[in-house]
């Protein structure tokens, strides 16, 4: 549990505890993974380090079918939970070895392995790349 000043990600909805707030330490305690992929908002291929969204969903014992991902600017999008099991979707806190900050795409950014799957080239998936992620609500 994180106090208000350390809060980095809030998880609500259909999870065992009803609501969980993670700080950076708790986020870093999740299994770490790195993917390399291009994005539609940056040039070239980048390395993204973070945790798999499915690992987080399993950690909080999610029972839902949809994640509503919400950014600091209140952008929100519904993502089918199947995405996180069909693809290695990372919630990144680093890009190219540098910590993502709120001035950029951080502190957390949902990143799909778009270069690994032709299906992920579809623009519908581009809307699911939520940067400045701070809350997910599981329905």
N, C-alpha and C. Protein backbone atom coordinates (compact mmCIF):
# COMPACT_ATOMS: atom_id res chain seq x y z
N UNK A 1 0.85 -1.18 0.00
CA UNK A 1 0.00 0.00 0.00
C UNK A 1 0.89 1.24 0.00
N UNK A 2 0.53 2.23 -0.76
CA UNK A 2 1.33 3.44 -0.89
C UNK A 2 0.60 4.63 -0.28
N UNK A 3 1.37 5.56 0.30
CA UNK A 3 0.71 6.79 0.75
C UNK A 3 0.51 7.70 -0.46
N UNK A 4 -0.28 8.73 -0.31
CA UNK A 4 -0.68 9.58 -1.44
C UNK A 4 0.50 10.13 -2.22
N UNK A 5 1.58 10.52 -1.55
CA UNK A 5 2.71 11.13 -2.25
C UNK A 5 3.52 10.13 -3.06
N UNK A 6 3.47 8.85 -2.71
CA UNK A 6 4.24 7.83 -3.41
C UNK A 6 3.41 7.05 -4.43
N UNK A 7 2.14 7.33 -4.49
CA UNK A 7 1.23 6.58 -5.35
C UNK A 7 1.65 6.67 -6.81
N UNK A 8 1.70 5.51 -7.47
CA UNK A 8 2.05 5.50 -8.89
C UNK A 8 0.96 4.83 -9.72
N UNK A 9 0.23 3.86 -9.12
CA UNK A 9 -0.81 3.17 -9.87
C UNK A 9 -1.90 2.71 -8.92
N UNK A 10 -3.14 3.06 -9.27
CA UNK A 10 -4.30 2.61 -8.50
C UNK A 10 -5.06 1.58 -9.31
N UNK A 11 -5.40 0.46 -8.67
CA UNK A 11 -6.15 -0.61 -9.32
C UNK A 11 -7.47 -0.75 -8.56
N UNK A 12 -8.58 -0.65 -9.29
CA UNK A 12 -9.90 -0.75 -8.68
C UNK A 12 -10.75 -1.75 -9.47
N UNK A 13 -11.90 -2.07 -8.92
CA UNK A 13 -12.84 -2.91 -9.64
C UNK A 13 -12.83 -4.34 -9.16
N UNK A 14 -12.93 -5.26 -10.10
CA UNK A 14 -13.09 -6.68 -9.81
C UNK A 14 -11.76 -7.35 -9.47
N UNK A 15 -11.27 -7.02 -8.27
CA UNK A 15 -10.06 -7.64 -7.74
C UNK A 15 -10.35 -8.06 -6.30
N UNK A 16 -9.51 -8.91 -5.77
CA UNK A 16 -9.74 -9.47 -4.44
C UNK A 16 -9.94 -8.41 -3.37
N UNK A 17 -9.09 -7.41 -3.33
CA UNK A 17 -9.17 -6.40 -2.27
C UNK A 17 -10.04 -5.20 -2.62
N UNK A 18 -10.64 -5.17 -3.80
CA UNK A 18 -11.50 -4.07 -4.19
C UNK A 18 -10.76 -2.86 -4.70
N UNK A 19 -9.64 -2.51 -4.05
CA UNK A 19 -8.82 -1.37 -4.46
C UNK A 19 -7.41 -1.55 -3.92
N UNK A 20 -6.44 -1.34 -4.78
CA UNK A 20 -5.03 -1.45 -4.39
C UNK A 20 -4.30 -0.24 -4.98
N UNK A 21 -3.44 0.36 -4.19
CA UNK A 21 -2.60 1.45 -4.67
C UNK A 21 -1.15 1.02 -4.55
N UNK A 22 -0.43 1.12 -5.66
CA UNK A 22 0.96 0.70 -5.70
C UNK A 22 1.88 1.91 -5.74
N UNK A 23 3.02 1.78 -5.05
CA UNK A 23 4.08 2.77 -5.18
C UNK A 23 5.15 2.20 -6.10
N UNK A 24 6.19 2.97 -6.34
CA UNK A 24 7.23 2.53 -7.27
C UNK A 24 7.91 1.25 -6.80
N UNK A 25 8.11 1.10 -5.50
CA UNK A 25 8.73 -0.11 -4.98
C UNK A 25 7.88 -1.33 -5.29
N UNK A 26 6.57 -1.24 -5.09
CA UNK A 26 5.67 -2.36 -5.37
C UNK A 26 5.66 -2.69 -6.86
N UNK A 27 5.71 -1.68 -7.70
CA UNK A 27 5.75 -1.88 -9.14
C UNK A 27 7.04 -2.61 -9.52
N UNK A 28 8.15 -2.22 -8.91
CA UNK A 28 9.44 -2.86 -9.21
C UNK A 28 9.54 -4.26 -8.63
N UNK A 29 8.68 -4.61 -7.68
CA UNK A 29 8.67 -5.96 -7.12
C UNK A 29 8.00 -6.97 -8.05
N UNK A 30 7.24 -6.51 -9.01
CA UNK A 30 6.62 -7.42 -9.98
C UNK A 30 7.71 -7.96 -10.90
N UNK A 31 7.50 -9.17 -11.47
CA UNK A 31 8.52 -9.72 -12.39
C UNK A 31 8.81 -8.74 -13.53
N UNK A 32 10.09 -8.52 -13.77
CA UNK A 32 10.53 -7.53 -14.77
C UNK A 32 10.63 -8.18 -16.14
N UNK A 33 10.20 -7.46 -17.15
CA UNK A 33 10.34 -7.92 -18.52
C UNK A 33 10.72 -6.73 -19.40
N UNK A 34 11.36 -7.03 -20.51
CA UNK A 34 11.76 -6.00 -21.47
C UNK A 34 11.36 -6.45 -22.87
N UNK A 35 10.79 -5.53 -23.63
CA UNK A 35 10.49 -5.80 -25.03
C UNK A 35 11.10 -4.68 -25.87
N UNK A 36 11.34 -5.00 -27.14
CA UNK A 36 11.82 -4.00 -28.09
C UNK A 36 10.79 -3.88 -29.18
N UNK A 37 10.37 -2.66 -29.44
CA UNK A 37 9.34 -2.43 -30.45
C UNK A 37 9.36 -0.96 -30.89
N UNK A 38 8.74 -0.71 -32.02
CA UNK A 38 8.52 0.66 -32.45
C UNK A 38 7.20 1.14 -31.88
N UNK A 39 6.97 2.45 -31.94
CA UNK A 39 5.70 3.03 -31.52
C UNK A 39 5.24 4.00 -32.60
N UNK A 40 3.99 4.42 -32.54
CA UNK A 40 3.51 5.39 -33.51
C UNK A 40 3.81 6.82 -33.08
N UNK A 41 4.37 7.00 -31.88
CA UNK A 41 4.64 8.35 -31.37
C UNK A 41 6.13 8.62 -31.15
N UNK A 42 6.98 7.66 -31.52
CA UNK A 42 8.43 7.85 -31.42
C UNK A 42 9.07 7.34 -32.70
N UNK A 43 10.32 7.71 -32.91
CA UNK A 43 11.05 7.23 -34.08
C UNK A 43 11.88 6.01 -33.71
N UNK A 44 11.92 5.05 -34.59
CA UNK A 44 12.77 3.89 -34.42
C UNK A 44 12.24 2.88 -33.42
N UNK A 45 13.10 1.91 -33.14
CA UNK A 45 12.78 0.84 -32.19
C UNK A 45 13.35 1.21 -30.83
N UNK A 46 12.55 0.98 -29.79
CA UNK A 46 12.97 1.30 -28.43
C UNK A 46 12.82 0.07 -27.54
N UNK A 47 13.57 0.09 -26.46
CA UNK A 47 13.53 -0.96 -25.45
C UNK A 47 12.66 -0.46 -24.29
N UNK A 48 11.64 -1.24 -23.93
CA UNK A 48 10.73 -0.88 -22.85
C UNK A 48 10.84 -1.91 -21.73
N UNK A 49 11.08 -1.44 -20.52
CA UNK A 49 11.20 -2.31 -19.35
C UNK A 49 10.09 -1.99 -18.37
N UNK A 50 9.50 -3.04 -17.84
CA UNK A 50 8.42 -2.90 -16.87
C UNK A 50 7.94 -4.28 -16.46
N UNK A 51 6.64 -4.40 -16.29
CA UNK A 51 6.05 -5.69 -15.92
C UNK A 51 4.94 -6.02 -16.91
N UNK A 52 4.66 -7.31 -17.04
CA UNK A 52 3.57 -7.73 -17.91
C UNK A 52 2.25 -7.41 -17.22
N UNK A 53 1.32 -6.86 -17.97
CA UNK A 53 0.01 -6.54 -17.40
C UNK A 53 -0.65 -7.80 -16.84
N UNK A 54 -0.48 -8.94 -17.50
CA UNK A 54 -1.10 -10.16 -17.00
C UNK A 54 -0.55 -10.56 -15.64
N UNK A 55 0.74 -10.27 -15.37
CA UNK A 55 1.30 -10.56 -14.04
C UNK A 55 0.63 -9.71 -12.97
N UNK A 56 0.36 -8.44 -13.30
CA UNK A 56 -0.34 -7.57 -12.35
C UNK A 56 -1.76 -8.08 -12.12
N UNK A 57 -2.46 -8.44 -13.19
CA UNK A 57 -3.83 -8.93 -13.05
C UNK A 57 -3.89 -10.19 -12.19
N UNK A 58 -2.91 -11.05 -12.35
CA UNK A 58 -2.86 -12.27 -11.53
C UNK A 58 -2.51 -11.93 -10.08
N UNK A 59 -1.64 -10.96 -9.87
CA UNK A 59 -1.25 -10.54 -8.52
C UNK A 59 -2.44 -10.01 -7.73
N UNK A 60 -3.30 -9.25 -8.38
CA UNK A 60 -4.46 -8.67 -7.68
C UNK A 60 -5.69 -9.57 -7.79
N UNK A 61 -5.51 -10.72 -8.41
CA UNK A 61 -6.57 -11.72 -8.56
C UNK A 61 -7.80 -11.14 -9.25
N UNK A 62 -7.57 -10.58 -10.42
CA UNK A 62 -8.63 -9.99 -11.22
C UNK A 62 -9.62 -11.05 -11.69
N UNK A 63 -10.89 -10.68 -11.67
CA UNK A 63 -11.93 -11.57 -12.18
C UNK A 63 -12.72 -10.92 -13.31
N UNK A 64 -12.26 -9.79 -13.80
CA UNK A 64 -12.99 -9.06 -14.83
C UNK A 64 -12.63 -9.48 -16.24
N UNK A 65 -13.27 -8.81 -17.19
CA UNK A 65 -13.06 -9.08 -18.60
C UNK A 65 -12.49 -7.88 -19.36
N UNK A 66 -12.54 -6.70 -18.71
CA UNK A 66 -12.09 -5.47 -19.35
C UNK A 66 -11.32 -4.63 -18.36
N UNK A 67 -10.26 -3.99 -18.85
CA UNK A 67 -9.52 -3.01 -18.06
C UNK A 67 -9.79 -1.63 -18.66
N UNK A 68 -10.21 -0.70 -17.84
CA UNK A 68 -10.27 0.69 -18.27
C UNK A 68 -8.98 1.33 -17.78
N UNK A 69 -8.14 1.72 -18.73
CA UNK A 69 -6.86 2.36 -18.41
C UNK A 69 -7.06 3.87 -18.46
N UNK A 70 -6.62 4.55 -17.38
CA UNK A 70 -6.86 5.99 -17.25
C UNK A 70 -5.51 6.70 -17.07
N UNK A 71 -5.33 7.75 -17.89
CA UNK A 71 -4.09 8.54 -17.85
C UNK A 71 -4.26 9.76 -16.97
N UNK A 72 -3.14 10.40 -16.65
CA UNK A 72 -3.16 11.60 -15.82
C UNK A 72 -4.00 12.73 -16.43
N UNK A 73 -4.11 12.76 -17.77
CA UNK A 73 -4.92 13.79 -18.43
C UNK A 73 -6.37 13.34 -18.61
N UNK A 74 -6.73 12.23 -17.94
CA UNK A 74 -8.09 11.66 -17.94
C UNK A 74 -8.45 10.94 -19.23
N UNK A 75 -7.51 10.77 -20.14
CA UNK A 75 -7.75 9.91 -21.28
C UNK A 75 -8.04 8.52 -20.72
N UNK A 76 -9.07 7.88 -21.23
CA UNK A 76 -9.43 6.55 -20.76
C UNK A 76 -9.82 5.69 -21.95
N UNK A 77 -9.45 4.43 -21.89
CA UNK A 77 -9.79 3.49 -22.95
C UNK A 77 -10.04 2.12 -22.32
N UNK A 78 -11.02 1.42 -22.86
CA UNK A 78 -11.30 0.05 -22.42
C UNK A 78 -10.45 -0.92 -23.23
N UNK A 79 -9.80 -1.84 -22.52
CA UNK A 79 -8.95 -2.84 -23.15
C UNK A 79 -9.43 -4.22 -22.72
N UNK A 80 -9.71 -5.10 -23.67
CA UNK A 80 -10.12 -6.46 -23.29
C UNK A 80 -8.97 -7.17 -22.57
N UNK A 81 -9.28 -7.83 -21.48
CA UNK A 81 -8.23 -8.53 -20.72
C UNK A 81 -7.56 -9.60 -21.57
N UNK A 82 -8.26 -10.11 -22.57
CA UNK A 82 -7.65 -11.11 -23.46
C UNK A 82 -6.39 -10.58 -24.13
N UNK A 83 -6.31 -9.25 -24.38
CA UNK A 83 -5.10 -8.67 -24.97
C UNK A 83 -3.87 -9.05 -24.16
N UNK A 84 -4.01 -9.04 -22.84
CA UNK A 84 -2.86 -9.24 -21.96
C UNK A 84 -2.41 -10.70 -21.90
N UNK A 85 -3.27 -11.59 -22.35
CA UNK A 85 -2.91 -13.01 -22.41
C UNK A 85 -2.54 -13.42 -23.83
N UNK A 86 -3.04 -12.69 -24.82
CA UNK A 86 -2.69 -12.98 -26.21
C UNK A 86 -1.33 -12.38 -26.60
N UNK A 87 -0.96 -11.28 -25.93
CA UNK A 87 0.28 -10.57 -26.26
C UNK A 87 1.04 -10.24 -24.98
N UNK A 88 2.34 -10.07 -25.08
CA UNK A 88 3.17 -9.67 -23.94
C UNK A 88 3.10 -8.15 -23.77
N UNK A 89 1.95 -7.67 -23.30
CA UNK A 89 1.74 -6.24 -23.10
C UNK A 89 2.45 -5.83 -21.81
N UNK A 90 3.33 -4.85 -21.94
CA UNK A 90 4.15 -4.39 -20.83
C UNK A 90 3.62 -3.05 -20.31
N UNK A 91 3.62 -2.91 -18.99
CA UNK A 91 3.43 -1.60 -18.39
C UNK A 91 4.85 -1.13 -18.09
N UNK A 92 5.33 -0.24 -18.94
CA UNK A 92 6.74 0.18 -18.88
C UNK A 92 6.94 1.34 -17.93
N UNK A 93 8.07 1.29 -17.21
CA UNK A 93 8.51 2.41 -16.40
C UNK A 93 9.88 2.91 -16.85
N UNK A 94 10.44 2.24 -17.86
CA UNK A 94 11.70 2.69 -18.48
C UNK A 94 11.61 2.54 -19.99
N UNK A 95 12.23 3.48 -20.69
CA UNK A 95 12.40 3.37 -22.13
C UNK A 95 13.88 3.60 -22.42
N UNK A 96 14.49 2.65 -23.10
CA UNK A 96 15.91 2.71 -23.44
C UNK A 96 16.77 2.94 -22.20
N UNK A 97 16.39 2.30 -21.10
CA UNK A 97 17.17 2.36 -19.87
C UNK A 97 16.96 3.61 -19.04
N UNK A 98 16.11 4.52 -19.49
CA UNK A 98 15.83 5.77 -18.77
C UNK A 98 14.44 5.69 -18.13
N UNK A 99 14.33 6.14 -16.90
CA UNK A 99 13.06 6.16 -16.20
C UNK A 99 12.09 7.09 -16.91
N UNK A 100 10.89 6.60 -17.16
CA UNK A 100 9.85 7.44 -17.75
C UNK A 100 9.35 8.43 -16.69
N UNK A 101 9.24 9.69 -17.06
CA UNK A 101 8.79 10.72 -16.14
C UNK A 101 7.46 11.29 -16.61
N UNK A 102 6.82 12.02 -15.74
CA UNK A 102 5.53 12.63 -16.10
C UNK A 102 5.69 13.67 -17.20
N UNK A 103 6.88 14.23 -17.35
CA UNK A 103 7.12 15.18 -18.43
C UNK A 103 7.15 14.49 -19.79
N UNK A 104 7.35 13.18 -19.76
CA UNK A 104 7.36 12.40 -20.99
C UNK A 104 6.13 11.52 -21.05
N UNK A 105 6.32 10.25 -21.16
CA UNK A 105 5.21 9.30 -21.27
C UNK A 105 4.95 8.57 -19.95
N UNK A 106 5.64 8.94 -18.89
CA UNK A 106 5.55 8.20 -17.64
C UNK A 106 4.61 8.81 -16.63
N UNK A 107 4.59 8.25 -15.47
CA UNK A 107 5.56 7.28 -14.97
C UNK A 107 5.35 5.86 -15.50
N UNK A 108 4.15 5.58 -16.04
CA UNK A 108 3.88 4.26 -16.59
C UNK A 108 3.25 4.40 -17.97
N UNK A 109 3.60 3.46 -18.87
CA UNK A 109 3.11 3.49 -20.24
C UNK A 109 2.76 2.07 -20.66
N UNK A 110 1.52 1.86 -21.09
CA UNK A 110 1.12 0.55 -21.62
C UNK A 110 1.69 0.42 -23.02
N UNK A 111 2.50 -0.63 -23.22
CA UNK A 111 3.21 -0.83 -24.48
C UNK A 111 2.92 -2.22 -25.03
N UNK A 112 2.46 -2.26 -26.25
CA UNK A 112 2.20 -3.53 -26.96
C UNK A 112 3.44 -3.91 -27.78
N UNK A 113 3.69 -5.21 -27.96
CA UNK A 113 4.81 -5.64 -28.81
C UNK A 113 4.41 -5.58 -30.29
N UNK A 114 4.15 -4.38 -30.77
CA UNK A 114 3.52 -4.18 -32.09
C UNK A 114 4.35 -4.74 -33.23
N UNK A 115 5.67 -4.79 -33.09
CA UNK A 115 6.50 -5.30 -34.18
C UNK A 115 6.49 -6.83 -34.27
N UNK A 116 5.99 -7.49 -33.25
CA UNK A 116 5.99 -8.95 -33.22
C UNK A 116 4.74 -9.58 -33.83
N UNK A 117 3.69 -8.79 -34.04
CA UNK A 117 2.41 -9.32 -34.50
C UNK A 117 1.80 -8.39 -35.53
N UNK A 118 1.48 -8.93 -36.69
CA UNK A 118 0.82 -8.14 -37.73
C UNK A 118 -0.50 -7.57 -37.23
N UNK A 119 -1.23 -8.32 -36.42
CA UNK A 119 -2.53 -7.85 -35.92
C UNK A 119 -2.40 -6.56 -35.13
N UNK A 120 -1.26 -6.34 -34.47
CA UNK A 120 -1.07 -5.15 -33.64
C UNK A 120 -0.77 -3.89 -34.45
N UNK A 121 -0.64 -4.04 -35.77
CA UNK A 121 -0.44 -2.87 -36.65
C UNK A 121 -1.75 -2.12 -36.86
N UNK A 122 -2.87 -2.70 -36.44
CA UNK A 122 -4.19 -2.10 -36.57
C UNK A 122 -4.30 -0.88 -35.65
N UNK A 123 -4.84 0.22 -36.17
CA UNK A 123 -4.94 1.46 -35.40
C UNK A 123 -5.74 1.29 -34.11
N UNK A 124 -6.65 0.34 -34.07
CA UNK A 124 -7.43 0.12 -32.84
C UNK A 124 -6.53 -0.19 -31.65
N UNK A 125 -5.41 -0.84 -31.89
CA UNK A 125 -4.48 -1.14 -30.80
C UNK A 125 -3.69 0.10 -30.39
N UNK A 126 -3.45 1.01 -31.32
CA UNK A 126 -2.70 2.22 -30.99
C UNK A 126 -3.39 3.04 -29.90
N UNK A 127 -4.71 3.03 -29.87
CA UNK A 127 -5.46 3.77 -28.86
C UNK A 127 -5.30 3.16 -27.47
N UNK A 128 -4.83 1.95 -27.39
CA UNK A 128 -4.68 1.25 -26.11
C UNK A 128 -3.32 1.49 -25.47
N UNK A 129 -2.44 2.19 -26.15
CA UNK A 129 -1.12 2.55 -25.63
C UNK A 129 -1.28 3.76 -24.71
N UNK A 130 -1.68 3.55 -23.50
CA UNK A 130 -1.94 4.66 -22.59
C UNK A 130 -0.64 5.06 -21.90
N UNK A 131 -0.21 6.31 -22.14
CA UNK A 131 0.95 6.81 -21.41
C UNK A 131 0.45 7.67 -20.26
N UNK A 132 1.34 7.95 -19.34
CA UNK A 132 1.00 8.63 -18.08
C UNK A 132 -0.14 7.90 -17.35
N UNK A 133 -0.07 6.58 -17.44
CA UNK A 133 -1.06 5.72 -16.78
C UNK A 133 -0.98 5.90 -15.27
N UNK A 134 -2.14 6.08 -14.63
CA UNK A 134 -2.14 6.16 -13.17
C UNK A 134 -3.24 5.32 -12.53
N UNK A 135 -4.22 4.85 -13.34
CA UNK A 135 -5.29 4.05 -12.75
C UNK A 135 -5.77 3.02 -13.75
N UNK A 136 -6.10 1.83 -13.23
CA UNK A 136 -6.83 0.85 -14.04
C UNK A 136 -8.03 0.39 -13.21
N UNK A 137 -9.15 0.30 -13.90
CA UNK A 137 -10.39 -0.17 -13.29
C UNK A 137 -10.80 -1.43 -14.02
N UNK A 138 -10.97 -2.50 -13.28
CA UNK A 138 -11.25 -3.81 -13.88
C UNK A 138 -12.75 -4.08 -13.77
N UNK A 139 -13.34 -4.37 -14.93
CA UNK A 139 -14.80 -4.63 -14.99
C UNK A 139 -15.06 -6.01 -15.54
